[in-house]
Structures are given as C-alpha cells and as structure tokens.
C-alpha cells in the first residue's frame, strides 16, 4: 500500500437517520461537532441525515411522504394562483 494517501482525519463516525433513529457506524472524514454513544458503549462523532437505507422507500418497499414544511400545499396554491391570472397579449 502507498503511504500518506489517506486523509489524516479519517475516523469512525455515527450517521443517525432522523426519520427513524437508526444509527450506522462508518469511517468518514466528515466534520461534526456533536457526539453520540453507539451500541458498543463508546462515544463517537455523530452526523444526522434525513434519509438512509433503513428508511428509503427503495430499500424498505414502503412508500412514505416526507412533507414537513407543507411543500405540496404551497405548490398547489402557487399553481392555482398562476392558472387564475389572465395572459396579456399585445
């Protein structure tokens, strides 16, 4: 193996899925300030993700709608306002 090709800050990091709380311990160089206790009892840096393989519909075969900000409703109201405006020709 070649020496000095890997980053210095390569370390184990716990990735936490926000949708279901699942945790994955993976080596990474991602910068994080939060720490969390993993199932082995040790404390590791933590990074939160919105979706992972434990919650993604492709892997779980379950369809979920993640609409925490009401984006669908906002889009529908914008569409209705846009279609209600008459088009000026001239």
N, C-alpha and C. Protein backbone atom coordinates (compact mmCIF):
# COMPACT_ATOMS: atom_id res chain seq x y z
N UNK A 1 0.83 -1.19 0.00
CA UNK A 1 0.00 0.00 0.00
C UNK A 1 0.87 1.24 0.00
N UNK A 2 0.37 2.27 -0.65
CA UNK A 2 1.09 3.54 -0.67
C UNK A 2 0.90 4.25 0.66
N UNK A 3 1.96 4.92 1.10
CA UNK A 3 1.90 5.67 2.35
C UNK A 3 1.43 7.10 2.09
N UNK A 4 0.79 7.68 3.10
CA UNK A 4 0.37 9.09 3.09
C UNK A 4 -0.61 9.44 1.97
N UNK A 5 -1.50 8.52 1.60
CA UNK A 5 -2.51 8.86 0.60
C UNK A 5 -3.90 9.06 1.23
N UNK A 6 -4.07 8.61 2.47
CA UNK A 6 -5.36 8.76 3.13
C UNK A 6 -5.39 10.03 3.97
N UNK A 7 -6.55 10.65 4.09
CA UNK A 7 -6.66 11.87 4.91
C UNK A 7 -6.33 11.57 6.37
N UNK A 8 -5.81 12.55 7.06
CA UNK A 8 -5.42 12.39 8.46
C UNK A 8 -6.63 12.26 9.39
N UNK A 9 -7.74 12.94 9.06
CA UNK A 9 -8.91 12.95 9.93
C UNK A 9 -9.89 11.81 9.63
N UNK A 10 -9.46 10.75 9.01
CA UNK A 10 -10.30 9.58 8.71
C UNK A 10 -10.55 8.82 10.01
N UNK A 11 -11.83 8.77 10.45
CA UNK A 11 -12.16 8.17 11.73
C UNK A 11 -13.57 7.61 11.69
N UNK A 12 -13.95 6.76 12.66
CA UNK A 12 -15.33 6.25 12.70
C UNK A 12 -16.31 7.36 13.10
N UNK A 13 -17.43 7.43 12.38
CA UNK A 13 -18.47 8.42 12.64
C UNK A 13 -19.81 7.70 12.65
N UNK A 14 -20.69 8.07 13.57
CA UNK A 14 -22.04 7.50 13.63
C UNK A 14 -22.96 8.39 12.81
N UNK A 15 -23.58 7.82 11.79
CA UNK A 15 -24.59 8.52 11.00
C UNK A 15 -25.95 8.15 11.55
N UNK A 16 -26.74 9.16 11.95
CA UNK A 16 -28.04 8.95 12.57
C UNK A 16 -29.12 9.36 11.59
N UNK A 17 -30.04 8.43 11.31
CA UNK A 17 -31.17 8.69 10.41
C UNK A 17 -32.23 9.45 11.21
N UNK A 18 -32.58 10.67 10.78
CA UNK A 18 -33.56 11.49 11.51
C UNK A 18 -34.97 10.93 11.44
N UNK A 19 -35.30 10.18 10.39
CA UNK A 19 -36.68 9.72 10.24
C UNK A 19 -37.02 8.54 11.13
N UNK A 20 -36.04 7.68 11.46
CA UNK A 20 -36.36 6.53 12.30
C UNK A 20 -35.36 6.27 13.43
N UNK A 21 -34.32 7.07 13.55
CA UNK A 21 -33.37 6.94 14.64
C UNK A 21 -32.31 5.86 14.45
N UNK A 22 -32.32 5.18 13.33
CA UNK A 22 -31.32 4.14 13.06
C UNK A 22 -29.92 4.75 13.03
N UNK A 23 -28.93 4.01 13.53
CA UNK A 23 -27.56 4.50 13.58
C UNK A 23 -26.63 3.57 12.81
N UNK A 24 -25.67 4.16 12.08
CA UNK A 24 -24.69 3.41 11.32
C UNK A 24 -23.30 3.92 11.70
N UNK A 25 -22.38 3.03 11.99
CA UNK A 25 -21.00 3.40 12.30
C UNK A 25 -20.17 3.16 11.06
N UNK A 26 -19.67 4.26 10.46
CA UNK A 26 -18.93 4.19 9.20
C UNK A 26 -17.71 5.10 9.33
N UNK A 27 -16.60 4.69 8.75
CA UNK A 27 -15.42 5.55 8.72
C UNK A 27 -15.64 6.68 7.73
N UNK A 28 -15.28 7.89 8.15
CA UNK A 28 -15.54 9.06 7.34
C UNK A 28 -14.60 10.21 7.71
N UNK A 29 -14.54 11.21 6.83
CA UNK A 29 -13.78 12.42 7.10
C UNK A 29 -14.69 13.62 7.34
N UNK A 30 -16.00 13.39 7.43
CA UNK A 30 -16.95 14.48 7.59
C UNK A 30 -16.71 15.20 8.92
N UNK A 31 -16.83 16.51 8.90
CA UNK A 31 -16.60 17.32 10.10
C UNK A 31 -17.91 17.45 10.87
N UNK A 32 -17.84 17.21 12.17
CA UNK A 32 -19.02 17.28 13.02
C UNK A 32 -18.61 17.71 14.43
N UNK A 33 -19.53 18.34 15.14
CA UNK A 33 -19.24 18.79 16.50
C UNK A 33 -19.99 17.96 17.54
N UNK A 34 -21.05 17.30 17.13
CA UNK A 34 -21.88 16.52 18.06
C UNK A 34 -21.29 15.13 18.28
N UNK A 35 -21.51 14.58 19.47
CA UNK A 35 -21.08 13.21 19.77
C UNK A 35 -22.29 12.42 20.24
N UNK A 36 -22.24 11.08 20.03
CA UNK A 36 -23.32 10.21 20.44
C UNK A 36 -22.73 8.88 20.90
N UNK A 37 -23.42 8.23 21.82
CA UNK A 37 -22.99 6.93 22.31
C UNK A 37 -23.57 5.86 21.39
N UNK A 38 -22.72 4.99 20.87
CA UNK A 38 -23.14 3.93 19.95
C UNK A 38 -23.49 2.68 20.75
N UNK A 39 -24.01 1.65 20.10
CA UNK A 39 -24.45 0.43 20.77
C UNK A 39 -23.31 -0.32 21.45
N UNK A 40 -22.07 -0.08 21.05
CA UNK A 40 -20.94 -0.75 21.70
C UNK A 40 -20.51 -0.04 22.99
N UNK A 41 -21.19 1.05 23.35
CA UNK A 41 -20.90 1.77 24.58
C UNK A 41 -19.88 2.88 24.44
N UNK A 42 -19.24 2.98 23.30
CA UNK A 42 -18.24 4.03 23.07
C UNK A 42 -18.91 5.27 22.50
N UNK A 43 -18.25 6.42 22.68
CA UNK A 43 -18.75 7.68 22.16
C UNK A 43 -18.04 8.03 20.86
N UNK A 44 -18.81 8.39 19.83
CA UNK A 44 -18.27 8.70 18.52
C UNK A 44 -18.84 10.04 18.04
N UNK A 45 -18.17 10.70 17.09
CA UNK A 45 -18.77 11.88 16.45
C UNK A 45 -20.05 11.46 15.73
N UNK A 46 -21.05 12.33 15.73
CA UNK A 46 -22.34 12.00 15.11
C UNK A 46 -22.66 12.98 13.99
N UNK A 47 -23.32 12.46 12.95
CA UNK A 47 -23.79 13.29 11.84
C UNK A 47 -25.21 12.84 11.51
N UNK A 48 -26.15 13.79 11.44
CA UNK A 48 -27.55 13.46 11.19
C UNK A 48 -27.86 13.56 9.69
N UNK A 49 -28.58 12.55 9.19
CA UNK A 49 -29.00 12.53 7.79
C UNK A 49 -30.52 12.43 7.74
N UNK A 50 -31.11 12.96 6.69
CA UNK A 50 -32.57 12.95 6.55
C UNK A 50 -33.11 11.57 6.18
N UNK A 51 -32.35 10.84 5.38
CA UNK A 51 -32.83 9.55 4.90
C UNK A 51 -31.64 8.63 4.70
N UNK A 52 -31.83 7.35 4.97
CA UNK A 52 -30.76 6.37 4.80
C UNK A 52 -31.35 5.10 4.21
N UNK A 53 -30.54 4.07 4.11
CA UNK A 53 -31.03 2.81 3.54
C UNK A 53 -32.09 2.17 4.43
N UNK A 54 -32.12 2.52 5.72
CA UNK A 54 -33.13 1.93 6.61
C UNK A 54 -34.49 2.61 6.48
N UNK A 55 -34.54 3.79 5.85
CA UNK A 55 -35.82 4.48 5.71
C UNK A 55 -36.17 4.83 4.26
N UNK A 56 -35.28 4.59 3.32
CA UNK A 56 -35.54 4.93 1.93
C UNK A 56 -36.54 3.94 1.33
N UNK A 57 -37.57 4.43 0.61
CA UNK A 57 -38.59 3.54 0.05
C UNK A 57 -38.04 2.47 -0.89
N UNK A 58 -36.95 2.73 -1.58
CA UNK A 58 -36.39 1.73 -2.48
C UNK A 58 -35.94 0.49 -1.71
N UNK A 59 -35.37 0.68 -0.53
CA UNK A 59 -34.85 -0.43 0.26
C UNK A 59 -35.91 -1.05 1.17
N UNK A 60 -36.89 -0.26 1.59
CA UNK A 60 -37.89 -0.77 2.54
C UNK A 60 -39.16 -1.26 1.85
N UNK A 61 -39.34 -0.95 0.57
CA UNK A 61 -40.56 -1.29 -0.19
C UNK A 61 -41.80 -0.69 0.45
N UNK A 62 -41.64 0.42 1.14
CA UNK A 62 -42.77 1.14 1.72
C UNK A 62 -42.69 2.58 1.25
N UNK A 63 -43.81 3.09 0.76
CA UNK A 63 -43.83 4.46 0.27
C UNK A 63 -44.15 5.41 1.42
N UNK A 64 -43.32 6.43 1.60
CA UNK A 64 -43.53 7.45 2.62
C UNK A 64 -43.52 8.81 1.95
N UNK A 65 -44.28 9.73 2.51
CA UNK A 65 -44.24 11.10 2.04
C UNK A 65 -43.63 11.95 3.14
N UNK A 66 -42.48 12.53 2.86
CA UNK A 66 -41.82 13.42 3.83
C UNK A 66 -42.14 14.85 3.44
N UNK A 67 -43.14 15.42 4.08
CA UNK A 67 -43.57 16.78 3.78
C UNK A 67 -43.68 17.56 5.08
N UNK A 68 -42.54 17.86 5.66
CA UNK A 68 -42.55 18.52 6.95
C UNK A 68 -42.88 20.00 6.85
N UNK A 69 -42.64 20.61 5.70
CA UNK A 69 -42.84 22.05 5.57
C UNK A 69 -44.11 22.39 4.80
N UNK A 70 -44.95 21.42 4.47
CA UNK A 70 -46.16 21.68 3.71
C UNK A 70 -45.87 22.10 2.29
N UNK A 71 -44.83 21.53 1.68
CA UNK A 71 -44.40 21.94 0.35
C UNK A 71 -45.45 21.64 -0.71
N UNK A 72 -46.15 20.53 -0.56
CA UNK A 72 -47.15 20.17 -1.56
C UNK A 72 -48.27 21.20 -1.58
N UNK A 73 -48.73 21.59 -0.40
CA UNK A 73 -49.82 22.59 -0.32
C UNK A 73 -49.36 23.93 -0.88
N UNK A 74 -48.14 24.34 -0.58
CA UNK A 74 -47.62 25.59 -1.11
C UNK A 74 -47.55 25.55 -2.63
N UNK A 75 -47.12 24.43 -3.17
CA UNK A 75 -47.03 24.29 -4.62
C UNK A 75 -48.42 24.37 -5.26
N UNK A 76 -49.39 23.69 -4.66
CA UNK A 76 -50.74 23.70 -5.21
C UNK A 76 -51.35 25.10 -5.19
N UNK A 77 -51.12 25.86 -4.12
CA UNK A 77 -51.66 27.23 -4.07
C UNK A 77 -50.98 28.12 -5.10
N UNK A 78 -49.67 27.95 -5.29
CA UNK A 78 -48.97 28.73 -6.32
C UNK A 78 -49.49 28.38 -7.71
N UNK A 79 -49.73 27.12 -7.95
CA UNK A 79 -50.24 26.69 -9.26
C UNK A 79 -51.63 27.25 -9.51
N UNK A 80 -52.49 27.25 -8.49
CA UNK A 80 -53.84 27.76 -8.68
C UNK A 80 -53.83 29.26 -8.93
N UNK A 81 -52.94 29.99 -8.24
CA UNK A 81 -52.82 31.43 -8.48
C UNK A 81 -52.29 31.72 -9.87
N UNK A 82 -51.34 30.94 -10.32
CA UNK A 82 -50.74 31.15 -11.64
C UNK A 82 -51.73 30.84 -12.75
N UNK A 83 -52.55 29.82 -12.57
CA UNK A 83 -53.51 29.47 -13.62
C UNK A 83 -54.71 30.42 -13.62
N UNK A 84 -54.97 31.12 -12.52
CA UNK A 84 -56.10 32.05 -12.43
C UNK A 84 -55.78 33.39 -13.11
N UNK A 85 -54.53 33.75 -13.27
CA UNK A 85 -54.17 35.02 -13.88
C UNK A 85 -54.39 34.96 -15.39
N UNK A 86 -55.03 36.01 -15.96
CA UNK A 86 -55.21 36.03 -17.41
C UNK A 86 -53.89 36.39 -18.10
N UNK A 87 -53.70 35.84 -19.25
CA UNK A 87 -52.48 36.10 -20.03
C UNK A 87 -52.72 37.31 -20.92
N UNK A 88 -51.85 38.32 -20.81
CA UNK A 88 -51.98 39.53 -21.65
C UNK A 88 -51.31 39.30 -22.99
N UNK A 89 -52.01 39.68 -24.03
CA UNK A 89 -51.44 39.60 -25.36
C UNK A 89 -51.27 41.00 -25.89
N UNK A 90 -50.22 41.21 -26.60
CA UNK A 90 -50.14 42.56 -27.10
C UNK A 90 -48.87 42.90 -27.66
